[in-house]
Amino acid sequence: MEVEDVVQEINELVSRIRMIEEHITDKTKLLKDFFNKASSAMTEKQNYLLTGIQLGAVTKPYLLTFRGIEVVEEEEILTISTFIDNVIRFANYPNKQIEVLKELATHLEKINQIVDIK
């Protein structure tokens, strides 16, 4: 193996990472759409606790409600788009971002059992 071969393989890895980052962006947009639909389908009395989702260094409980994402015990309501963007940004690295997307997708499956997401 020559130096040029190693350089070429590293360049290919960089290209693959860019493709993965594009896929993460695409899947993030899809999740935002589905979470918005789920929120819109909820009644005032329905909510869903998003366990295991971290937006920053301090872990807080987040509820999906008909209003968006509510921070439990605070009077803060986040838009779904802002919440998911911040969660993905906090994940920082593509492999962690994929883990977060998987976690959000798992929550979405459970939410879909509560409300009909169309």
PDB file of N, CA and C in Angstrom:
ATOM      1  N   MET A   1       0.852  -1.179   0.000  1.00  0.00           N
ATOM      2  CA  MET A   1       0.000   0.000   0.000  1.00  0.00           C
ATOM      3  C   MET A   1       0.895   1.239   0.000  1.00  0.00           C
ATOM      4  N   GLU A   2       0.564   2.164  -0.847  1.00  0.00           N
ATOM      5  CA  GLU A   2       1.321   3.400  -0.994  1.00  0.00           C
ATOM      6  C   GLU A   2       0.635   4.540  -0.234  1.00  0.00           C
ATOM      7  N   VAL A   3       1.373   5.609  -0.025  1.00  0.00           N
ATOM      8  CA  VAL A   3       0.829   6.796   0.645  1.00  0.00           C
ATOM      9  C   VAL A   3      -0.398   7.306  -0.101  1.00  0.00           C
ATOM     10  N   GLU A   4      -0.334   7.334  -1.413  1.00  0.00           N
ATOM     11  CA  GLU A   4      -1.453   7.827  -2.217  1.00  0.00           C
ATOM     12  C   GLU A   4      -2.709   6.990  -1.976  1.00  0.00           C
ATOM     13  N   ASP A   5      -2.516   5.678  -1.776  1.00  0.00           N
ATOM     14  CA  ASP A   5      -3.656   4.790  -1.509  1.00  0.00           C
ATOM     15  C   ASP A   5      -4.330   5.140  -0.185  1.00  0.00           C
ATOM     16  N   VAL A   6      -3.518   5.383   0.836  1.00  0.00           N
ATOM     17  CA  VAL A   6      -4.048   5.741   2.146  1.00  0.00           C
ATOM     18  C   VAL A   6      -4.778   7.079   2.062  1.00  0.00           C
ATOM     19  N   VAL A   7      -4.179   8.045   1.377  1.00  0.00           N
ATOM     20  CA  VAL A   7      -4.808   9.357   1.216  1.00  0.00           C
ATOM     21  C   VAL A   7      -6.146   9.206   0.493  1.00  0.00           C
ATOM     22  N   GLN A   8      -6.185   8.395  -0.550  1.00  0.00           N
ATOM     23  CA  GLN A   8      -7.421   8.165  -1.303  1.00  0.00           C
ATOM     24  C   GLN A   8      -8.484   7.519  -0.413  1.00  0.00           C
ATOM     25  N   GLU A   9      -8.108   6.547   0.387  1.00  0.00           N
ATOM     26  CA  GLU A   9      -9.063   5.886   1.278  1.00  0.00           C
ATOM     27  C   GLU A   9      -9.604   6.849   2.332  1.00  0.00           C
ATOM     28  N   ILE A  10      -8.737   7.702   2.831  1.00  0.00           N
ATOM     29  CA  ILE A  10      -9.195   8.705   3.812  1.00  0.00           C
ATOM     30  C   ILE A  10     -10.161   9.677   3.151  1.00  0.00           C
ATOM     31  N   ASN A  11      -9.875  10.097   1.934  1.00  0.00           N
ATOM     32  CA  ASN A  11     -10.786  10.976   1.202  1.00  0.00           C
ATOM     33  C   ASN A  11     -12.140  10.298   0.982  1.00  0.00           C
ATOM     34  N   GLU A  12     -12.131   8.997   0.738  1.00  0.00           N
ATOM     35  CA  GLU A  12     -13.377   8.253   0.583  1.00  0.00           C
ATOM     36  C   GLU A  12     -14.158   8.221   1.900  1.00  0.00           C
ATOM     37  N   LEU A  13     -13.450   8.071   3.012  1.00  0.00           N
ATOM     38  CA  LEU A  13     -14.101   8.109   4.324  1.00  0.00           C
ATOM     39  C   LEU A  13     -14.764   9.465   4.565  1.00  0.00           C
ATOM     40  N   VAL A  14     -14.061  10.527   4.208  1.00  0.00           N
ATOM     41  CA  VAL A  14     -14.613  11.879   4.354  1.00  0.00           C
ATOM     42  C   VAL A  14     -15.894  12.013   3.530  1.00  0.00           C
ATOM     43  N   SER A  15     -15.887  11.491   2.326  1.00  0.00           N
ATOM     44  CA  SER A  15     -17.076  11.537   1.468  1.00  0.00           C
ATOM     45  C   SER A  15     -18.230  10.747   2.089  1.00  0.00           C
ATOM     46  N   ARG A  16     -17.923   9.599   2.657  1.00  0.00           N
ATOM     47  CA  ARG A  16     -18.969   8.790   3.301  1.00  0.00           C
ATOM     48  C   ARG A  16     -19.558   9.507   4.502  1.00  0.00           C
ATOM     49  N   ILE A  17     -18.707  10.172   5.276  1.00  0.00           N
ATOM     50  CA  ILE A  17     -19.201  10.920   6.431  1.00  0.00           C
ATOM     51  C   ILE A  17     -20.127  12.043   5.969  1.00  0.00           C
ATOM     52  N   ARG A  18     -19.774  12.723   4.901  1.00  0.00           N
ATOM     53  CA  ARG A  18     -20.647  13.782   4.363  1.00  0.00           C
ATOM     54  C   ARG A  18     -22.002  13.203   3.951  1.00  0.00           C
ATOM     55  N   MET A  19     -21.973  12.028   3.319  1.00  0.00           N
ATOM     56  CA  MET A  19     -23.233  11.384   2.927  1.00  0.00           C
ATOM     57  C   MET A  19     -24.061  11.025   4.153  1.00  0.00           C
ATOM     58  N   ILE A  20     -23.405  10.514   5.190  1.00  0.00           N
ATOM     59  CA  ILE A  20     -24.113  10.175   6.429  1.00  0.00           C
ATOM     60  C   ILE A  20     -24.710  11.433   7.045  1.00  0.00           C
ATOM     61  N   GLU A  21     -23.956  12.520   7.057  1.00  0.00           N
ATOM     62  CA  GLU A  21     -24.474  13.780   7.601  1.00  0.00           C
ATOM     63  C   GLU A  21     -25.691  14.265   6.821  1.00  0.00           C
ATOM     64  N   GLU A  22     -25.676  14.086   5.501  1.00  0.00           N
ATOM     65  CA  GLU A  22     -26.839  14.452   4.685  1.00  0.00           C
ATOM     66  C   GLU A  22     -28.038  13.577   5.023  1.00  0.00           C
ATOM     67  N   HIS A  23     -27.794  12.281   5.236  1.00  0.00           N
ATOM     68  CA  HIS A  23     -28.882  11.378   5.630  1.00  0.00           C
ATOM     69  C   HIS A  23     -29.439  11.778   6.995  1.00  0.00           C
ATOM     70  N   ILE A  24     -28.571  12.145   7.913  1.00  0.00           N
ATOM     71  CA  ILE A  24     -29.016  12.592   9.232  1.00  0.00           C
ATOM     72  C   ILE A  24     -29.911  13.814   9.086  1.00  0.00           C
ATOM     73  N   THR A  25     -29.529  14.750   8.251  1.00  0.00           N
ATOM     74  CA  THR A  25     -30.341  15.951   8.011  1.00  0.00           C
ATOM     75  C   THR A  25     -31.704  15.579   7.438  1.00  0.00           C
ATOM     76  N   ASP A  26     -31.711  14.683   6.461  1.00  0.00           N
ATOM     77  CA  ASP A  26     -32.971  14.252   5.849  1.00  0.00           C
ATOM     78  C   ASP A  26     -33.883  13.566   6.857  1.00  0.00           C
ATOM     79  N   LYS A  27     -33.337  12.654   7.644  1.00  0.00           N
ATOM     80  CA  LYS A  27     -34.145  11.921   8.631  1.00  0.00           C
ATOM     81  C   LYS A  27     -34.605  12.838   9.751  1.00  0.00           C
ATOM     82  N   THR A  28     -33.798  13.822  10.092  1.00  0.00           N
ATOM     83  CA  THR A  28     -34.207  14.796  11.105  1.00  0.00           C
ATOM     84  C   THR A  28     -35.433  15.566  10.629  1.00  0.00           C
ATOM     85  N   LYS A  29     -35.447  15.978   9.368  1.00  0.00           N
ATOM     86  CA  LYS A  29     -36.603  16.684   8.809  1.00  0.00           C
ATOM     87  C   LYS A  29     -37.849  15.807   8.857  1.00  0.00           C
ATOM     88  N   LEU A  30     -37.704  14.529   8.518  1.00  0.00           N
ATOM     89  CA  LEU A  30     -38.844  13.609   8.562  1.00  0.00           C
ATOM     90  C   LEU A  30     -39.377  13.458   9.983  1.00  0.00           C
ATOM     91  N   LEU A  31     -38.478  13.294  10.941  1.00  0.00           N
ATOM     92  CA  LEU A  31     -38.915  13.170  12.329  1.00  0.00           C
ATOM     93  C   LEU A  31     -39.640  14.423  12.804  1.00  0.00           C
ATOM     94  N   LYS A  32     -39.148  15.583  12.420  1.00  0.00           N
ATOM     95  CA  LYS A  32     -39.821  16.836  12.784  1.00  0.00           C
ATOM     96  C   LYS A  32     -41.248  16.833  12.259  1.00  0.00           C
ATOM     97  N   ASP A  33     -41.417  16.435  11.004  1.00  0.00           N
ATOM     98  CA  ASP A  33     -42.763  16.389  10.414  1.00  0.00           C
ATOM     99  C   ASP A  33     -43.671  15.452  11.200  1.00  0.00           C
ATOM    100  N   PHE A  34     -43.174  14.260  11.502  1.00  0.00           N
ATOM    101  CA  PHE A  34     -43.999  13.295  12.229  1.00  0.00           C
ATOM    102  C   PHE A  34     -44.301  13.750  13.648  1.00  0.00           C
ATOM    103  N   PHE A  35     -43.331  14.334  14.332  1.00  0.00           N
ATOM    104  CA  PHE A  35     -43.587  14.835  15.678  1.00  0.00           C
ATOM    105  C   PHE A  35     -44.585  15.995  15.645  1.00  0.00           C
ATOM    106  N   ASN A  36     -44.512  16.845  14.630  1.00  0.00           N
ATOM    107  CA  ASN A  36     -45.500  17.921  14.487  1.00  0.00           C
ATOM    108  C   ASN A  36     -46.893  17.349  14.269  1.00  0.00           C
ATOM    109  N   LYS A  37     -46.988  16.321  13.438  1.00  0.00           N
ATOM    110  CA  LYS A  37     -48.288  15.679  13.200  1.00  0.00           C
ATOM    111  C   LYS A  37     -48.808  15.032  14.477  1.00  0.00           C
ATOM    112  N   ALA A  38     -47.925  14.381  15.215  1.00  0.00           N
ATOM    113  CA  ALA A  38     -48.336  13.748  16.470  1.00  0.00           C
ATOM    114  C   ALA A  38     -48.829  14.790  17.463  1.00  0.00           C
ATOM    115  N   SER A  39     -48.103  15.883  17.576  1.00  0.00           N
ATOM    116  CA  SER A  39     -48.503  16.957  18.479  1.00  0.00           C
ATOM    117  C   SER A  39     -49.862  17.519  18.081  1.00  0.00           C
ATOM    118  N   SER A  40     -50.061  17.724  16.797  1.00  0.00           N
ATOM    119  CA  SER A  40     -51.336  18.261  16.305  1.00  0.00           C
ATOM    120  C   SER A  40     -52.494  17.302  16.553  1.00  0.00           C
ATOM    121  N   ALA A  41     -52.209  16.006  16.571  1.00  0.00           N
ATOM    122  CA  ALA A  41     -53.256  15.006  16.777  1.00  0.00           C
ATOM    123  C   ALA A  41     -53.609  14.813  18.249  1.00  0.00           C
ATOM    124  N   MET A  42     -52.795  15.355  19.149  1.00  0.00           N
ATOM    125  CA  MET A  42     -53.037  15.179  20.582  1.00  0.00           C
ATOM    126  C   MET A  42     -54.132  16.109  21.075  1.00  0.00           C
ATOM    127  N   THR A  43     -54.872  15.599  22.044  1.00  0.00           N
ATOM    128  CA  THR A  43     -55.854  16.446  22.707  1.00  0.00           C
ATOM    129  C   THR A  43     -55.146  17.202  23.830  1.00  0.00           C
ATOM    130  N   GLU A  44     -55.865  18.108  24.445  1.00  0.00           N
ATOM    131  CA  GLU A  44     -55.292  18.903  25.527  1.00  0.00           C
ATOM    132  C   GLU A  44     -54.860  18.034  26.707  1.00  0.00           C
ATOM    133  N   LYS A  45     -55.505  16.891  26.896  1.00  0.00           N
ATOM    134  CA  LYS A  45     -55.211  16.018  28.035  1.00  0.00           C
ATOM    135  C   LYS A  45     -54.140  14.977  27.731  1.00  0.00           C
ATOM    136  N   GLN A  46     -53.750  14.848  26.485  1.00  0.00           N
ATOM    137  CA  GLN A  46     -52.741  13.855  26.124  1.00  0.00           C
ATOM    138  C   GLN A  46     -51.346  14.453  26.159  1.00  0.00           C
ATOM    139  N   ASN A  47     -50.380  13.619  26.528  1.00  0.00           N
ATOM    140  CA  ASN A  47     -48.977  14.007  26.470  1.00  0.00           C
ATOM    141  C   ASN A  47     -48.130  12.748  26.408  1.00  0.00           C
ATOM    142  N   TYR A  48     -46.883  12.930  26.084  1.00  0.00           N
ATOM    143  CA  TYR A  48     -45.952  11.799  26.010  1.00  0.00           C
ATOM    144  C   TYR A  48     -44.601  12.265  26.534  1.00  0.00           C
ATOM    145  N   LEU A  49     -44.068  11.531  27.523  1.00  0.00           N
ATOM    146  CA  LEU A  49     -42.787  11.864  28.129  1.00  0.00           C
ATOM    147  C   LEU A  49     -41.657  11.332  27.253  1.00  0.00           C
ATOM    148  N   LEU A  50     -40.784  12.222  26.825  1.00  0.00           N
ATOM    149  CA  LEU A  50     -39.645  11.860  25.973  1.00  0.00           C
ATOM    150  C   LEU A  50     -38.447  11.510  26.858  1.00  0.00           C
ATOM    151  N   THR A  51     -38.457  10.306  27.400  1.00  0.00           N
ATOM    152  CA  THR A  51     -37.383   9.871  28.291  1.00  0.00           C
ATOM    153  C   THR A  51     -36.100   9.625  27.508  1.00  0.00           C
ATOM    154  N   GLY A  52     -34.987   9.912  28.137  1.00  0.00           N
ATOM    155  CA  GLY A  52     -33.687   9.629  27.537  1.00  0.00           C
ATOM    156  C   GLY A  52     -33.223  10.622  26.498  1.00  0.00           C
ATOM    157  N   ILE A  53     -33.984  11.654  26.264  1.00  0.00           N
ATOM    158  CA  ILE A  53     -33.609  12.665  25.277  1.00  0.00           C
ATOM    159  C   ILE A  53     -32.967  13.826  26.014  1.00  0.00           C
ATOM    160  N   GLN A  54     -31.776  14.194  25.566  1.00  0.00           N
ATOM    161  CA  GLN A  54     -31.009  15.229  26.257  1.00  0.00           C
ATOM    162  C   GLN A  54     -30.758  16.415  25.336  1.00  0.00           C
ATOM    163  N   LEU A  55     -31.064  17.587  25.857  1.00  0.00           N
ATOM    164  CA  LEU A  55     -30.929  18.823  25.097  1.00  0.00           C
ATOM    165  C   LEU A  55     -29.687  19.606  25.504  1.00  0.00           C
ATOM    166  N   GLY A  56     -29.152  19.291  26.661  1.00  0.00           N
ATOM    167  CA  GLY A  56     -27.977  19.985  27.166  1.00  0.00           C
ATOM    168  C   GLY A  56     -27.337  19.180  28.277  1.00  0.00           C
ATOM    169  N   ALA A  57     -26.361  19.787  28.932  1.00  0.00           N
ATOM    170  CA  ALA A  57     -25.623  19.097  29.990  1.00  0.00           C
ATOM    171  C   ALA A  57     -26.527  18.720  31.163  1.00  0.00           C
ATOM    172  N   VAL A  58     -27.523  19.556  31.436  1.00  0.00           N
ATOM    173  CA  VAL A  58     -28.469  19.281  32.512  1.00  0.00           C
ATOM    174  C   VAL A  58     -29.667  18.543  31.913  1.00  0.00           C
ATOM    175  N   THR A  59     -29.936  17.357  32.425  1.00  0.00           N
ATOM    176  CA  THR A  59     -31.056  16.558  31.931  1.00  0.00           C
ATOM    177  C   THR A  59     -32.358  17.091  32.501  1.00  0.00           C
ATOM    178  N   LYS A  60     -33.321  17.320  31.622  1.00  0.00           N
ATOM    179  CA  LYS A  60     -34.644  17.782  32.023  1.00  0.00           C
ATOM    180  C   LYS A  60     -35.679  16.871  31.381  1.00  0.00           C
ATOM    181  N   PRO A  61     -36.837  16.728  32.023  1.00  0.00           N
ATOM    182  CA  PRO A  61     -37.898  15.936  31.397  1.00  0.00           C
ATOM    183  C   PRO A  61     -38.675  16.786  30.377  1.00  0.00           C
ATOM    184  N   TYR A  62     -38.927  16.186  29.217  1.00  0.00           N
ATOM    185  CA  TYR A  62     -39.647  16.875  28.143  1.00  0.00           C
ATOM    186  C   TYR A  62     -40.918  16.111  27.799  1.00  0.00           C
ATOM    187  N   LEU A  63     -41.999  16.854  27.610  1.00  0.00           N
ATOM    188  CA  LEU A  63     -43.275  16.267  27.229  1.00  0.00           C
ATOM    189  C   LEU A  63     -43.679  16.737  25.842  1.00  0.00           C
ATOM    190  N   LEU A  64     -44.099  15.794  25.016  1.00  0.00           N
ATOM    191  CA  LEU A  64     -44.735  16.163  23.759  1.00  0.00           C
ATOM    192  C   LEU A  64     -46.206  16.377  24.077  1.00  0.00           C
ATOM    193  N   THR A  65     -46.718  17.547  23.731  1.00  0.00           N
ATOM    194  CA  THR A  65     -48.128  17.868  23.969  1.00  0.00           C
ATOM    195  C   THR A  65     -48.714  18.495  22.715  1.00  0.00           C
ATOM    196  N   PHE A  66     -49.981  18.845  22.789  1.00  0.00           N
ATOM    197  CA  PHE A  66     -50.629  19.504  21.659  1.00  0.00           C
ATOM    198  C   PHE A  66     -50.029  20.884  21.393  1.00  0.00           C
ATOM    199  N   ARG A  67     -49.287  21.432  22.360  1.00  0.00           N
ATOM    200  CA  ARG A  67     -48.658  22.754  22.207  1.00  0.00           C
ATOM    201  C   ARG A  67     -47.252  22.673  21.606  1.00  0.00           C
ATOM    202  N   GLY A  68     -46.635  21.496  21.652  1.00  0.00           N
ATOM    203  CA  GLY A  68     -45.242  21.330  21.223  1.00  0.00           C
ATOM    204  C   GLY A  68     -44.493  20.544  22.273  1.00  0.00           C
ATOM    205  N   ILE A  69     -43.290  20.961  22.583  1.00  0.00           N
ATOM    206  CA  ILE A  69     -42.476  20.301  23.601  1.00  0.00           C
ATOM    207  C   ILE A  69     -42.482  21.168  24.849  1.00  0.00           C
ATOM    208  N   GLU A  70     -42.992  20.608  25.934  1.00  0.00           N
ATOM    209  CA  GLU A  70     -43.033  21.326  27.198  1.00  0.00           C
ATOM    210  C   GLU A  70     -41.921  20.815  28.104  1.00  0.00           C
ATOM    211  N   VAL A  71     -41.227  21.752  28.719  1.00  0.00           N
ATOM    212  CA  VAL A  71     -40.199  21.403  29.699  1.00  0.00           C
ATOM    213  C   VAL A  71     -40.925  21.262  31.038  1.00  0.00           C
ATOM    214  N   VAL A  72     -40.911  20.040  31.588  1.00  0.00           N
ATOM    215  CA  VAL A  72     -41.639  19.751  32.825  1.00  0.00           C
ATOM    216  C   VAL A  72     -41.107  20.615  33.961  1.00  0.00           C
ATOM    217  N   GLU A  73     -42.021  21.142  34.758  1.00  0.00           N
ATOM    218  CA  GLU A  73     -41.742  21.983  35.923  1.00  0.00           C
ATOM    219  C   GLU A  73     -41.164  23.346  35.557  1.00  0.00           C
ATOM    220  N   GLU A  74     -41.184  23.686  34.299  1.00  0.00           N
ATOM    221  CA  GLU A  74     -40.816  25.022  33.853  1.00  0.00           C
ATOM    222  C   GLU A  74     -41.957  25.493  32.956  1.00  0.00           C
ATOM    223  N   GLU A  75     -42.095  26.735  32.802  1.00  0.00           N
ATOM    224  CA  GLU A  75     -43.168  27.241  31.960  1.00  0.00           C
ATOM    225  C   GLU A  75     -42.664  27.540  30.564  1.00  0.00           C
ATOM    226  N   GLU A  76     -41.870  26.629  30.053  1.00  0.00           N
ATOM    227  CA  GLU A  76     -41.266  26.820  28.746  1.00  0.00           C
ATOM    228  C   GLU A  76     -41.857  25.822  27.761  1.00  0.00           C
ATOM    229  N   ILE A  77     -42.227  26.335  26.599  1.00  0.00           N
ATOM    230  CA  ILE A  77     -42.708  25.492  25.521  1.00  0.00           C
ATOM    231  C   ILE A  77     -41.818  25.745  24.315  1.00  0.00           C
ATOM    232  N   LEU A  78     -41.251  24.663  23.790  1.00  0.00           N
ATOM    233  CA  LEU A  78     -40.380  24.751  22.630  1.00  0.00           C
ATOM    234  C   LEU A  78     -41.119  24.261  21.397  1.00  0.00           C
ATOM    235  N   THR A  79     -40.796  24.860  20.267  1.00  0.00           N
ATOM    236  CA  THR A  79     -41.336  24.289  19.034  1.00  0.00           C
ATOM    237  C   THR A  79     -40.634  22.958  18.807  1.00  0.00           C
ATOM    238  N   ILE A  80     -41.300  22.064  18.135  1.00  0.00           N
ATOM    239  CA  ILE A  80     -40.722  20.756  17.862  1.00  0.00           C
ATOM    240  C   ILE A  80     -39.457  20.902  17.028  1.00  0.00           C
ATOM    241  N   SER A  81     -39.487  21.779  16.057  1.00  0.00           N
ATOM    242  CA  SER A  81     -38.329  21.988  15.194  1.00  0.00           C
ATOM    243  C   SER A  81     -37.112  22.451  15.998  1.00  0.00           C
ATOM    244  N   THR A  82     -37.308  23.422  16.867  1.00  0.00           N
ATOM    245  CA  THR A  82     -36.221  23.931  17.702  1.00  0.00           C
ATOM    246  C   THR A  82     -35.705  22.842  18.634  1.00  0.00           C
ATOM    247  N   PHE A  83     -36.629  22.113  19.252  1.00  0.00           N
ATOM    248  CA  PHE A  83     -36.252  21.047  20.175  1.00  0.00           C
ATOM    249  C   PHE A  83     -35.391  19.992  19.477  1.00  0.00           C
ATOM    250  N   ILE A  84     -35.860  19.479  18.346  1.00  0.00           N
ATOM    251  CA  ILE A  84     -35.118  18.424  17.649  1.00  0.00           C
ATOM    252  C   ILE A  84     -33.790  18.953  17.124  1.00  0.00           C
ATOM    253  N   ASP A  85     -33.775  20.167  16.590  1.00  0.00           N
ATOM    254  CA  ASP A  85     -32.501  20.760  16.146  1.00  0.00           C
ATOM    255  C   ASP A  85     -31.495  20.828  17.291  1.00  0.00           C
ATOM    256  N   ASN A  86     -31.952  21.265  18.455  1.00  0.00           N
ATOM    257  CA  ASN A  86     -31.061  21.398  19.609  1.00  0.00           C
ATOM    258  C   ASN A  86     -30.585  20.036  20.127  1.00  0.00           C
ATOM    259  N   VAL A  87     -31.470  19.044  20.092  1.00  0.00           N
ATOM    260  CA  VAL A  87     -31.096  17.696  20.520  1.00  0.00           C
ATOM    261  C   VAL A  87     -30.019  17.139  19.593  1.00  0.00           C
ATOM    262  N   ILE A  88     -30.207  17.301  18.292  1.00  0.00           N
ATOM    263  CA  ILE A  88     -29.232  16.804  17.315  1.00  0.00           C
ATOM    264  C   ILE A  88     -27.912  17.574  17.448  1.00  0.00           C
ATOM    265  N   ARG A  89     -27.990  18.878  17.627  1.00  0.00           N
ATOM    266  CA  ARG A  89     -26.784  19.695  17.792  1.00  0.00           C
ATOM    267  C   ARG A  89     -26.012  19.264  19.041  1.00  0.00           C
ATOM    268  N   PHE A  90     -26.744  18.987  20.137  1.00  0.00           N
ATOM    269  CA  PHE A  90     -26.094  18.560  21.376  1.00  0.00           C
ATOM    270  C   PHE A  90     -25.411  17.203  21.194  1.00  0.00           C
ATOM    271  N   ALA A  91     -25.974  16.335  20.348  1.00  0.00           N
ATOM    272  CA  ALA A  91     -25.380  15.010  20.101  1.00  0.00           C
ATOM    273  C   ALA A  91     -23.993  15.157  19.469  1.00  0.00           C
ATOM    274  N   ASN A  92     -23.784  16.178  18.672  1.00  0.00           N
ATOM    275  CA  ASN A  92     -22.480  16.599  18.184  1.00  0.00           C
ATOM    276  C   ASN A  92     -21.832  15.731  17.111  1.00  0.00           C
ATOM    277  N   TYR A  93     -21.746  14.431  17.292  1.00  0.00           N
ATOM    278  CA  TYR A  93     -21.051  13.560  16.337  1.00  0.00           C
ATOM    279  C   TYR A  93     -22.046  12.691  15.580  1.00  0.00           C
ATOM    280  N   PRO A  94     -21.765  12.372  14.323  1.00  0.00           N
ATOM    281  CA  PRO A  94     -22.720  11.586  13.524  1.00  0.00           C
ATOM    282  C   PRO A  94     -23.197  10.299  14.193  1.00  0.00           C
ATOM    283  N   ASN A  95     -22.308   9.547  14.826  1.00  0.00           N
ATOM    284  CA  ASN A  95     -22.762   8.297  15.444  1.00  0.00           C
ATOM    285  C   ASN A  95     -23.718   8.566  16.604  1.00  0.00           C
ATOM    286  N   LYS A  96     -23.463   9.600  17.378  1.00  0.00           N
ATOM    287  CA  LYS A  96     -24.359   9.971  18.477  1.00  0.00           C
ATOM    288  C   LYS A  96     -25.670  10.532  17.920  1.00  0.00           C
ATOM    289  N   GLN A  97     -25.597  11.296  16.844  1.00  0.00           N
ATOM    290  CA  GLN A  97     -26.799  11.837  16.219  1.00  0.00           C
ATOM    291  C   GLN A  97     -27.695  10.712  15.710  1.00  0.00           C
ATOM    292  N   ILE A  98     -27.087   9.671  15.151  1.00  0.00           N
ATOM    293  CA  ILE A  98     -27.864   8.530  14.682  1.00  0.00           C
ATOM    294  C   ILE A  98     -28.535   7.827  15.866  1.00  0.00           C
ATOM    295  N   GLU A  99     -27.822   7.701  16.981  1.00  0.00           N
ATOM    296  CA  GLU A  99     -28.412   7.112  18.186  1.00  0.00           C
ATOM    297  C   GLU A  99     -29.607   7.934  18.655  1.00  0.00           C
ATOM    298  N   VAL A 100     -29.485   9.250  18.629  1.00  0.00           N
ATOM    299  CA  VAL A 100     -30.579  10.129  19.049  1.00  0.00           C
ATOM    300  C   VAL A 100     -31.763   9.992  18.087  1.00  0.00           C
ATOM    301  N   LEU A 101     -31.493   9.947  16.786  1.00  0.00           N
ATOM    302  CA  LEU A 101     -32.576   9.753  15.818  1.00  0.00           C
ATOM    303  C   LEU A 101     -33.297   8.431  16.074  1.00  0.00           C
ATOM    304  N   LYS A 102     -32.544   7.393  16.383  1.00  0.00           N
ATOM    305  CA  LYS A 102     -33.142   6.087  16.674  1.00  0.00           C
ATOM    306  C   LYS A 102     -34.019   6.175  17.914  1.00  0.00           C
ATOM    307  N   GLU A 103     -33.535   6.864  18.937  1.00  0.00           N
ATOM    308  CA  GLU A 103     -34.306   7.047  20.172  1.00  0.00           C
ATOM    309  C   GLU A 103     -35.601   7.819  19.896  1.00  0.00           C
ATOM    310  N   LEU A 104     -35.497   8.883  19.112  1.00  0.00           N
ATOM    311  CA  LEU A 104     -36.691   9.660  18.754  1.00  0.00           C
ATOM    312  C   LEU A 104     -37.665   8.817  17.933  1.00  0.00           C
ATOM    313  N   ALA A 105     -37.144   7.994  17.033  1.00  0.00           N
ATOM    314  CA  ALA A 105     -38.005   7.128  16.216  1.00  0.00           C
ATOM    315  C   ALA A 105     -38.723   6.102  17.094  1.00  0.00           C
ATOM    316  N   THR A 106     -38.031   5.578  18.097  1.00  0.00           N
ATOM    317  CA  THR A 106     -38.656   4.638  19.030  1.00  0.00           C
ATOM    318  C   THR A 106     -39.791   5.319  19.780  1.00  0.00           C
ATOM    319  N   HIS A 107     -39.560   6.546  20.242  1.00  0.00           N
ATOM    320  CA  HIS A 107     -40.629   7.309  20.901  1.00  0.00           C
ATOM    321  C   HIS A 107     -41.785   7.539  19.938  1.00  0.00           C
ATOM    322  N   LEU A 108     -41.474   7.856  18.699  1.00  0.00           N
ATOM    323  CA  LEU A 108     -42.507   8.117  17.703  1.00  0.00           C
ATOM    324  C   LEU A 108     -43.390   6.890  17.491  1.00  0.00           C
ATOM    325  N   GLU A 109     -42.791   5.708  17.482  1.00  0.00           N
ATOM    326  CA  GLU A 109     -43.579   4.476  17.354  1.00  0.00           C
ATOM    327  C   GLU A 109     -44.564   4.345  18.503  1.00  0.00           C
ATOM    328  N   LYS A 110     -44.115   4.653  19.719  1.00  0.00           N
ATOM    329  CA  LYS A 110     -44.981   4.564  20.894  1.00  0.00           C
ATOM    330  C   LYS A 110     -46.069   5.633  20.857  1.00  0.00           C
ATOM    331  N   ILE A 111     -45.698   6.828  20.410  1.00  0.00           N
ATOM    332  CA  ILE A 111     -46.679   7.922  20.295  1.00  0.00           C
ATOM    333  C   ILE A 111     -47.746   7.548  19.274  1.00  0.00           C
ATOM    334  N   ASN A 112     -47.334   6.893  18.212  1.00  0.00           N
ATOM    335  CA  ASN A 112     -48.272   6.479  17.163  1.00  0.00           C
ATOM    336  C   ASN A 112     -49.317   5.499  17.689  1.00  0.00           C
ATOM    337  N   GLN A 113     -49.019   4.793  18.767  1.00  0.00           N
ATOM    338  CA  GLN A 113     -49.996   3.906  19.397  1.00  0.00           C
ATOM    339  C   GLN A 113     -51.019   4.678  20.215  1.00  0.00           C
ATOM    340  N   ILE A 114     -50.647   5.901  20.605  1.00  0.00           N
ATOM    341  CA  ILE A 114     -51.543   6.746  21.403  1.00  0.00           C
ATOM    342  C   ILE A 114     -52.425   7.611  20.504  1.00  0.00           C
ATOM    343  N   VAL A 115     -51.806   8.240  19.531  1.00  0.00           N
ATOM    344  CA  VAL A 115     -52.532   9.090  18.587  1.00  0.00           C
ATOM    345  C   VAL A 115     -52.246   8.615  17.174  1.00  0.00           C
ATOM    346  N   ASP A 116     -53.196   8.835  16.317  1.00  0.00           N
ATOM    347  CA  ASP A 116     -53.041   8.404  14.928  1.00  0.00           C
ATOM    348  C   ASP A 116     -52.267   9.463  14.148  1.00  0.00           C
ATOM    349  N   ILE A 117     -51.017   9.141  13.824  1.00  0.00           N
ATOM    350  CA  ILE A 117     -50.186  10.072  13.053  1.00  0.00           C
ATOM    351  C   ILE A 117     -50.383   9.767  11.577  1.00  0.00           C
ATOM    352  N   LYS A 118     -50.853  10.748  10.866  1.00  0.00           N
ATOM    353  CA  LYS A 118     -51.075  10.547   9.412  1.00  0.00           C
ATOM    354  C   LYS A 118     -50.210  11.449   8.611  1.00  0.00           C
TER     355      LYS A 118
END
